[in-house]
Amino acid sequence: MRSRTALLTTFRRTGQPVTSPVSLAVREGRAYFVTAADSGKAKRLAHTDRVELAPSTTAGKPLGGTVAGRA
């Protein structure tokens, strides 16, 4: 697996997007990331699996387009 950085967008119950850079491991067309069970990302993903990913620098500067997906 190769590690990469991407902007992960998750969504609040109100539909408001929350974006943060995450380190990803990509394998066989799937992206994997790790976060604490009590993190904001995990809480948002508990109520909706809707996400968006975009390649980025480790500082969170976007490097390309966004792709919609499910977590």
Protein backbone atom coordinates (compact mmCIF):
# COMPACT_ATOMS: atom_id res chain seq x y z
CA MET A 1 0.00 0.00 0.00
CA ARG A 2 1.12 3.53 -0.72
CA SER A 3 0.34 6.34 1.70
CA ARG A 4 -1.21 9.54 0.37
CA THR A 5 -2.81 12.67 1.77
CA ALA A 6 -6.32 13.77 0.87
CA LEU A 7 -8.96 16.18 2.02
CA LEU A 8 -11.74 14.15 3.57
CA THR A 9 -15.11 15.86 3.70
CA THR A 10 -17.72 14.46 6.07
CA PHE A 11 -21.14 15.94 6.71
CA ARG A 12 -22.90 17.13 9.85
CA ARG A 13 -26.54 16.23 10.51
CA THR A 14 -27.45 19.64 9.08
CA GLY A 15 -25.69 18.74 5.83
CA GLN A 16 -22.86 21.23 6.48
CA PRO A 17 -19.54 19.87 5.14
CA VAL A 18 -16.48 19.55 7.37
CA THR A 19 -13.16 19.06 5.58
CA SER A 20 -9.86 17.91 7.06
CA PRO A 21 -6.64 16.44 5.64
CA VAL A 22 -6.08 12.74 6.37
CA SER A 23 -3.38 10.24 5.50
CA LEU A 24 -4.73 7.50 3.28
CA ALA A 25 -3.55 4.07 2.33
CA VAL A 26 -4.85 3.06 -1.09
CA ARG A 27 -5.21 -0.57 -2.11
CA GLU A 28 -7.21 -2.22 -4.90
CA GLY A 29 -9.21 0.93 -5.59
CA ARG A 30 -10.16 1.54 -1.95
CA ALA A 31 -8.88 4.28 0.35
CA TYR A 32 -8.34 3.59 4.06
CA PHE A 33 -7.78 6.01 6.92
CA VAL A 34 -7.64 5.75 10.70
CA THR A 35 -9.28 8.09 13.19
CA ALA A 36 -10.10 7.92 16.89
CA ALA A 37 -13.51 6.46 17.74
CA ASP A 38 -14.50 9.64 19.57
CA SER A 39 -13.29 12.05 16.86
CA GLY A 40 -15.60 14.42 15.03
CA LYS A 41 -15.06 12.46 11.80
CA ALA A 42 -16.15 9.22 13.44
CA LYS A 43 -19.22 10.86 14.96
CA ARG A 44 -20.24 12.34 11.62
CA LEU A 45 -19.66 9.03 9.83
CA ALA A 46 -21.85 7.27 12.41
CA HIS A 47 -24.91 9.08 11.07
CA THR A 48 -24.04 9.27 7.35
CA ASP A 49 -21.57 7.35 5.22
CA ARG A 50 -21.44 10.13 2.61
CA VAL A 51 -17.90 11.46 2.04
CA GLU A 52 -15.87 13.34 -0.51
CA LEU A 53 -12.13 13.00 -1.15
CA ALA A 54 -9.71 15.28 -2.96
CA PRO A 55 -5.94 14.95 -3.27
CA SER A 56 -4.06 17.47 -1.15
CA THR A 57 -0.81 18.44 0.47
CA THR A 58 -0.27 17.47 4.10
CA ALA A 59 -1.16 21.08 4.97
CA GLY A 60 -4.57 20.67 3.33
CA LYS A 61 -3.99 22.56 0.07
CA PRO A 62 -6.18 20.93 -2.63
CA LEU A 63 -4.28 19.42 -5.56
CA GLY A 64 -7.16 18.16 -7.67
CA GLY A 65 -10.85 17.50 -8.05
CA THR A 66 -13.24 15.97 -5.55
CA VAL A 67 -14.65 12.45 -5.76
CA ALA A 68 -17.85 11.46 -3.94
CA GLY A 69 -18.01 8.15 -2.11
CA ARG A 70 -19.27 6.12 0.84
CA ALA A 71 -17.36 5.25 3.99
